[in-house]
N, C-alpha and C. Protein backbone atom coordinates (compact mmCIF):
# COMPACT_ATOMS: atom_id res chain seq x y z
N UNK A 1 0.01 -25.38 -3.35
CA UNK A 1 0.45 -25.98 -1.87
C UNK A 1 -0.74 -26.22 -1.05
N UNK A 2 -0.64 -27.24 -0.63
CA UNK A 2 -1.64 -27.71 0.53
C UNK A 2 -0.96 -28.08 1.98
N UNK A 3 -1.80 -28.13 2.86
CA UNK A 3 -1.08 -28.20 4.48
C UNK A 3 -1.87 -29.62 4.43
N UNK A 4 -0.84 -30.26 5.29
CA UNK A 4 -1.29 -31.54 5.82
C UNK A 4 -1.97 -31.40 7.29
N UNK A 5 -2.42 -32.53 7.77
CA UNK A 5 -2.98 -32.58 9.14
C UNK A 5 -1.90 -31.98 10.10
N UNK A 6 -0.54 -32.45 9.83
CA UNK A 6 0.43 -32.13 10.80
C UNK A 6 0.97 -30.53 10.35
N UNK A 7 0.23 -29.98 9.75
CA UNK A 7 0.62 -28.55 9.18
C UNK A 7 1.89 -28.08 8.29
N UNK A 8 2.22 -29.52 7.81
CA UNK A 8 3.30 -29.03 6.89
C UNK A 8 2.59 -29.09 5.35
N UNK A 9 3.21 -28.18 4.66
CA UNK A 9 3.16 -27.85 3.23
C UNK A 9 3.35 -29.19 2.30
N UNK A 10 2.69 -29.46 1.33
CA UNK A 10 2.89 -30.40 0.35
C UNK A 10 2.42 -29.82 -1.09
N UNK A 11 3.15 -30.33 -2.02
CA UNK A 11 2.57 -29.79 -3.19
C UNK A 11 1.51 -30.53 -3.84
N UNK A 12 0.56 -29.89 -4.62
CA UNK A 12 -0.80 -30.68 -5.08
C UNK A 12 -1.01 -30.33 -6.39
N UNK A 13 -1.37 -31.11 -7.42
CA UNK A 13 -1.72 -30.67 -8.80
C UNK A 13 -3.27 -29.97 -8.90
N UNK A 14 -3.02 -29.09 -9.51
CA UNK A 14 -4.34 -28.50 -9.89
C UNK A 14 -5.06 -28.92 -11.02
N UNK A 15 -6.36 -28.64 -11.33
CA UNK A 15 -6.91 -28.90 -12.15
C UNK A 15 -6.42 -28.83 -13.84
N UNK A 16 -5.67 -27.74 -13.92
CA UNK A 16 -4.71 -27.29 -15.02
C UNK A 16 -3.56 -28.15 -15.26
N UNK A 17 -3.14 -29.04 -14.24
CA UNK A 17 -1.84 -29.63 -14.35
C UNK A 17 -1.87 -30.58 -15.92
N UNK A 18 -0.92 -30.39 -16.65
CA UNK A 18 -0.68 -31.31 -17.83
C UNK A 18 -1.50 -30.78 -18.95
N UNK A 19 -2.19 -29.43 -18.68
CA UNK A 19 -2.98 -29.19 -19.71
C UNK A 19 -2.13 -27.88 -20.60
N UNK A 20 -2.68 -27.21 -21.63
CA UNK A 20 -1.93 -26.37 -21.92
C UNK A 20 -0.62 -26.48 -23.35
N UNK A 21 -0.23 -25.45 -23.66
CA UNK A 21 0.79 -25.59 -24.93
C UNK A 21 2.05 -25.37 -24.31
N UNK A 22 2.82 -26.50 -24.25
CA UNK A 22 4.18 -26.43 -23.47
C UNK A 22 5.20 -26.68 -24.32
N UNK A 23 5.12 -27.02 -25.55
CA UNK A 23 6.10 -26.99 -26.50
C UNK A 23 6.26 -25.72 -27.42
N UNK A 24 7.45 -25.09 -27.40
CA UNK A 24 7.57 -23.72 -28.12
C UNK A 24 8.71 -23.73 -29.19
N UNK A 25 7.96 -23.50 -30.67
CA UNK A 25 8.81 -23.77 -31.79
C UNK A 25 9.39 -22.20 -31.73
N UNK A 26 10.68 -22.10 -31.95
CA UNK A 26 11.22 -20.87 -32.04
C UNK A 26 12.18 -20.59 -33.25
N UNK A 27 12.18 -19.53 -34.06
CA UNK A 27 13.10 -19.59 -35.23
C UNK A 27 13.23 -18.01 -35.36
N UNK A 28 14.13 -17.67 -36.19
CA UNK A 28 14.78 -16.21 -36.32
C UNK A 28 14.30 -16.02 -37.75
N UNK A 29 13.39 -14.82 -38.12
CA UNK A 29 13.09 -14.80 -39.60
C UNK A 29 14.21 -13.91 -40.22
N UNK A 30 13.96 -13.72 -41.60
CA UNK A 30 14.85 -13.16 -42.36
C UNK A 30 15.47 -11.74 -41.80
N UNK A 31 14.71 -11.00 -41.28
CA UNK A 31 14.75 -9.59 -40.66
C UNK A 31 15.52 -9.83 -39.33
N UNK A 32 15.86 -11.00 -38.99
CA UNK A 32 16.46 -11.10 -37.55
C UNK A 32 15.70 -10.96 -36.28
N UNK A 33 14.68 -11.07 -36.61
CA UNK A 33 13.58 -10.75 -35.56
C UNK A 33 13.17 -12.49 -34.91
N UNK A 34 13.18 -12.66 -33.77
CA UNK A 34 12.73 -14.08 -33.19
C UNK A 34 11.43 -14.22 -33.01
N UNK A 35 10.70 -15.28 -33.66
CA UNK A 35 9.57 -15.48 -33.72
C UNK A 35 9.26 -17.04 -32.82
N UNK A 36 8.10 -17.15 -32.51
CA UNK A 36 7.73 -18.44 -31.81
C UNK A 36 6.35 -18.79 -31.61
N UNK A 37 6.00 -19.94 -31.80
CA UNK A 37 4.62 -20.57 -31.58
C UNK A 37 4.55 -21.46 -30.78
N UNK A 38 3.53 -21.47 -29.72
CA UNK A 38 3.36 -22.73 -28.82
C UNK A 38 2.31 -23.79 -29.36
N UNK A 39 2.86 -25.27 -29.02
CA UNK A 39 2.15 -26.36 -29.37
C UNK A 39 1.79 -27.17 -28.37
N UNK A 40 0.93 -28.17 -28.19
CA UNK A 40 0.47 -29.13 -27.51
C UNK A 40 1.62 -30.31 -27.62
N UNK A 41 1.99 -30.71 -28.79
CA UNK A 41 2.91 -31.65 -28.90
C UNK A 41 4.39 -31.22 -29.40
N UNK A 42 5.27 -32.01 -29.02
CA UNK A 42 6.72 -31.68 -29.19
C UNK A 42 6.77 -31.89 -30.87
N UNK A 43 6.11 -32.82 -31.44
CA UNK A 43 6.26 -33.40 -33.00
C UNK A 43 5.72 -32.09 -33.51
N UNK A 44 4.79 -31.37 -33.39
CA UNK A 44 4.15 -30.27 -33.86
C UNK A 44 5.33 -29.15 -33.85
N UNK A 45 5.87 -28.87 -32.88
CA UNK A 45 6.77 -27.55 -32.63
C UNK A 45 7.85 -28.05 -33.78
N UNK A 46 8.50 -29.37 -33.59
CA UNK A 46 9.67 -29.72 -34.43
C UNK A 46 9.26 -29.54 -35.97
N UNK A 47 7.94 -29.78 -36.39
CA UNK A 47 7.65 -29.77 -37.45
C UNK A 47 7.57 -28.45 -38.13
N UNK A 48 7.22 -27.43 -37.17
CA UNK A 48 7.14 -25.95 -37.42
C UNK A 48 8.48 -25.47 -37.63
N UNK A 49 9.59 -25.80 -36.97
CA UNK A 49 10.84 -25.38 -36.86
C UNK A 49 11.43 -25.79 -38.18
N UNK A 50 10.98 -27.12 -38.73
CA UNK A 50 11.61 -27.57 -39.80
C UNK A 50 11.04 -26.92 -40.87
N UNK A 51 9.75 -26.67 -40.97
CA UNK A 51 9.19 -25.79 -42.00
C UNK A 51 9.61 -24.49 -42.02
N UNK A 52 9.88 -23.88 -41.36
CA UNK A 52 10.13 -22.38 -41.31
C UNK A 52 11.31 -22.33 -41.69
N UNK A 53 12.43 -23.28 -41.26
CA UNK A 53 13.79 -23.16 -41.58
C UNK A 53 13.93 -23.41 -43.02
N UNK A 54 13.03 -24.36 -43.62
CA UNK A 54 13.13 -24.65 -45.06
C UNK A 54 12.58 -23.59 -45.81
N UNK A 55 11.31 -22.95 -45.38
CA UNK A 55 10.89 -21.74 -46.17
C UNK A 55 11.96 -20.35 -46.08
N UNK A 56 12.73 -20.40 -45.18
CA UNK A 56 13.72 -19.21 -45.12
C UNK A 56 14.63 -19.43 -45.93
N UNK A 57 15.23 -20.95 -45.92
CA UNK A 57 16.32 -21.18 -46.85
C UNK A 57 16.00 -21.04 -48.37
N UNK A 58 14.68 -21.44 -48.63
CA UNK A 58 14.30 -21.36 -50.26
C UNK A 58 13.85 -19.91 -50.55
N UNK A 59 13.81 -19.00 -49.53
CA UNK A 59 13.28 -17.62 -49.75
C UNK A 59 11.70 -17.42 -49.75
N UNK A 60 11.01 -18.43 -49.48
CA UNK A 60 9.67 -18.46 -49.36
C UNK A 60 9.02 -18.06 -48.08
N UNK A 61 9.71 -17.50 -47.27
CA UNK A 61 9.03 -17.36 -45.69
C UNK A 61 8.35 -16.35 -45.97
N UNK A 62 7.18 -16.39 -45.21
CA UNK A 62 5.82 -15.29 -45.18
C UNK A 62 5.72 -15.26 -43.53
N UNK A 63 5.63 -14.17 -43.04
CA UNK A 63 5.57 -13.78 -41.80
C UNK A 63 3.94 -14.15 -41.45
N UNK A 64 3.82 -15.36 -40.46
CA UNK A 64 2.61 -15.58 -39.90
C UNK A 64 1.62 -14.43 -39.45
N UNK A 65 2.10 -13.58 -38.99
CA UNK A 65 1.39 -12.60 -38.58
C UNK A 65 0.97 -11.49 -39.70
N UNK A 66 1.43 -11.70 -41.03
CA UNK A 66 1.22 -10.62 -41.93
C UNK A 66 -0.28 -10.58 -42.35
N UNK A 67 -1.00 -11.87 -42.23
CA UNK A 67 -2.56 -11.89 -42.57
C UNK A 67 -3.45 -11.19 -41.59
N UNK A 68 -2.85 -10.68 -40.40
CA UNK A 68 -3.71 -10.28 -39.33
C UNK A 68 -3.80 -8.53 -39.97
N UNK A 69 -3.17 -8.09 -41.00
CA UNK A 69 -3.47 -6.64 -41.42
C UNK A 69 -4.94 -6.84 -41.96
N UNK A 70 -5.52 -5.58 -41.72
CA UNK A 70 -6.96 -5.35 -42.35
C UNK A 70 -6.98 -5.02 -43.59
N UNK A 71 -7.85 -5.54 -44.47
CA UNK A 71 -7.92 -5.50 -45.76
C UNK A 71 -7.95 -3.83 -46.22
N UNK A 72 -8.62 -2.92 -45.49
CA UNK A 72 -8.67 -1.71 -45.86
C UNK A 72 -7.28 -0.99 -45.78
N UNK A 73 -6.25 -1.52 -44.93
CA UNK A 73 -5.06 -0.74 -44.53
C UNK A 73 -4.16 -1.33 -46.02
N UNK A 74 -4.42 -2.58 -46.45
CA UNK A 74 -3.72 -3.18 -47.44
C UNK A 74 -4.01 -2.28 -48.84
N UNK A 75 -5.47 -2.33 -48.98
CA UNK A 75 -5.82 -1.49 -50.03
C UNK A 75 -5.43 -0.14 -50.40
N UNK A 76 -5.58 0.42 -49.17
CA UNK A 76 -5.13 2.03 -49.17
C UNK A 76 -3.42 1.99 -49.59
N UNK A 77 -2.74 1.07 -49.13
CA UNK A 77 -1.13 0.85 -49.28
C UNK A 77 -1.26 0.61 -51.08
N UNK A 78 -2.00 -0.26 -51.40
CA UNK A 78 -1.83 -0.65 -52.78
C UNK A 78 -2.44 0.53 -53.78
N UNK A 79 -3.41 0.98 -53.62
CA UNK A 79 -3.88 2.17 -54.32
C UNK A 79 -2.91 3.39 -54.59
N UNK A 80 -2.12 3.73 -53.28
CA UNK A 80 -1.06 4.74 -53.34
C UNK A 80 0.05 4.24 -54.16
N UNK A 81 0.20 3.06 -54.17
CA UNK A 81 1.50 2.62 -54.86
C UNK A 81 1.20 2.35 -56.41
N UNK A 82 0.00 2.69 -56.87
CA UNK A 82 -0.15 2.35 -58.45
C UNK A 82 0.19 3.69 -59.24
N UNK A 83 1.14 3.45 -59.97
CA UNK A 83 1.39 4.70 -61.01
C UNK A 83 0.54 4.56 -62.08
N UNK A 84 -0.64 5.18 -62.32
CA UNK A 84 -1.57 5.03 -63.35
C UNK A 84 -1.92 6.42 -64.07
N UNK A 85 -2.76 6.51 -65.02
CA UNK A 85 -3.35 7.86 -65.29
C UNK A 85 -4.29 8.32 -64.02
N UNK A 86 -4.47 9.59 -63.92
CA UNK A 86 -5.41 10.12 -62.89
C UNK A 86 -6.87 9.52 -63.11
N UNK A 87 -7.31 9.44 -63.95
CA UNK A 87 -8.69 8.90 -64.58
C UNK A 87 -8.65 7.24 -64.10
N UNK A 88 -7.74 6.52 -64.16
CA UNK A 88 -7.83 5.25 -63.95
C UNK A 88 -7.60 5.16 -62.32
N UNK A 89 -6.93 6.05 -61.66
CA UNK A 89 -6.80 6.07 -59.99
C UNK A 89 -8.17 6.37 -59.64
N UNK A 90 -8.77 7.48 -60.12
CA UNK A 90 -10.20 7.58 -59.82
C UNK A 90 -11.25 6.35 -59.93
N UNK A 91 -11.00 5.62 -60.77
CA UNK A 91 -11.81 4.63 -61.20
C UNK A 91 -11.60 3.63 -60.13
N UNK A 92 -10.15 3.31 -60.02
CA UNK A 92 -10.14 2.11 -58.83
C UNK A 92 -10.48 2.48 -57.62
N UNK A 93 -10.44 3.74 -57.13
CA UNK A 93 -10.71 4.48 -55.86
C UNK A 93 -12.46 4.35 -55.81
N UNK A 94 -13.19 4.42 -56.81
CA UNK A 94 -14.28 4.26 -57.15
C UNK A 94 -15.02 3.03 -56.76
N UNK A 95 -14.45 2.14 -57.49
CA UNK A 95 -14.82 0.82 -57.43
C UNK A 95 -14.60 0.29 -55.95
N UNK A 96 -13.36 0.43 -55.72
CA UNK A 96 -12.95 0.06 -53.83
C UNK A 96 -14.18 0.56 -53.15
N UNK A 97 -14.24 1.87 -53.43
CA UNK A 97 -15.33 2.62 -52.33
C UNK A 97 -16.85 1.98 -52.33
N UNK A 98 -17.16 1.58 -53.29
CA UNK A 98 -18.54 1.02 -53.85
C UNK A 98 -18.70 -0.37 -53.77
N UNK A 99 -17.94 -0.90 -54.24
CA UNK A 99 -18.02 -2.60 -54.13
C UNK A 99 -17.32 -3.33 -53.27
N UNK A 100 -16.29 -2.97 -53.10
CA UNK A 100 -15.23 -3.66 -52.28
C UNK A 100 -15.19 -3.19 -50.75
N UNK A 101 -15.10 -2.22 -50.52
CA UNK A 101 -14.81 -1.84 -49.23
C UNK A 101 -15.95 -2.28 -48.21
N UNK A 102 -17.19 -2.02 -48.72
CA UNK A 102 -18.36 -2.37 -47.97
C UNK A 102 -18.44 -3.92 -47.40
N UNK A 103 -17.81 -4.66 -48.09
CA UNK A 103 -17.52 -6.20 -47.90
C UNK A 103 -16.36 -6.46 -47.00
N UNK A 104 -15.14 -6.05 -47.41
CA UNK A 104 -14.00 -6.45 -47.02
C UNK A 104 -13.09 -5.47 -46.07
N UNK A 105 -13.46 -4.08 -45.84
CA UNK A 105 -12.72 -3.46 -45.46
C UNK A 105 -12.41 -3.65 -44.02
N UNK A 106 -13.17 -4.36 -43.06
CA UNK A 106 -12.92 -4.32 -41.71
C UNK A 106 -12.48 -5.92 -41.44
N UNK A 107 -12.19 -6.72 -42.51
CA UNK A 107 -11.83 -8.01 -42.16
C UNK A 107 -10.24 -8.15 -42.42
N UNK A 108 -9.88 -9.20 -41.66
CA UNK A 108 -8.31 -9.29 -41.54
C UNK A 108 -8.00 -10.09 -43.15
N UNK A 109 -6.91 -9.71 -43.70
CA UNK A 109 -6.80 -10.30 -45.00
C UNK A 109 -6.48 -11.98 -44.79
N UNK A 110 -6.27 -12.54 -43.76
CA UNK A 110 -6.02 -14.12 -43.59
C UNK A 110 -7.47 -14.63 -43.52
N UNK A 111 -8.74 -13.87 -43.31
CA UNK A 111 -9.91 -14.49 -43.12
C UNK A 111 -10.62 -14.53 -44.61
N UNK A 112 -10.09 -13.77 -45.50
CA UNK A 112 -10.70 -13.90 -47.00
C UNK A 112 -10.26 -14.93 -47.67
N UNK A 113 -11.12 -15.87 -48.00
CA UNK A 113 -10.86 -17.09 -48.75
C UNK A 113 -11.49 -16.90 -50.12
N UNK A 114 -10.80 -17.50 -51.42
CA UNK A 114 -11.56 -17.48 -52.54
C UNK A 114 -12.79 -18.49 -52.58
N UNK A 115 -13.79 -18.17 -53.35
CA UNK A 115 -15.00 -18.93 -53.29
C UNK A 115 -15.08 -19.77 -54.54
């Protein structure tokens, strides 16, 4: 709000007017949790809603936040879930500790790309 010479207040556009993400794509995931993503354009938001709806209907839905998990957390869960010989488990842990963890442990899973 600004004031005129007569002392009346009037609305004025700020530098941020018209900028930012104003279209929200909202969907309910298979677990019943509401998810949303913001977009600059209405068409992009509608496309996201259609894509998510189709993925859920096909059973191909992947949680967008799933890739934010650190590789080390995922690797620990994977190693713990393996039902193998004790010697094989020791070998897996050895390979992970010496060759995989130094490179990937602190990275988010979504940031790892095949080369």
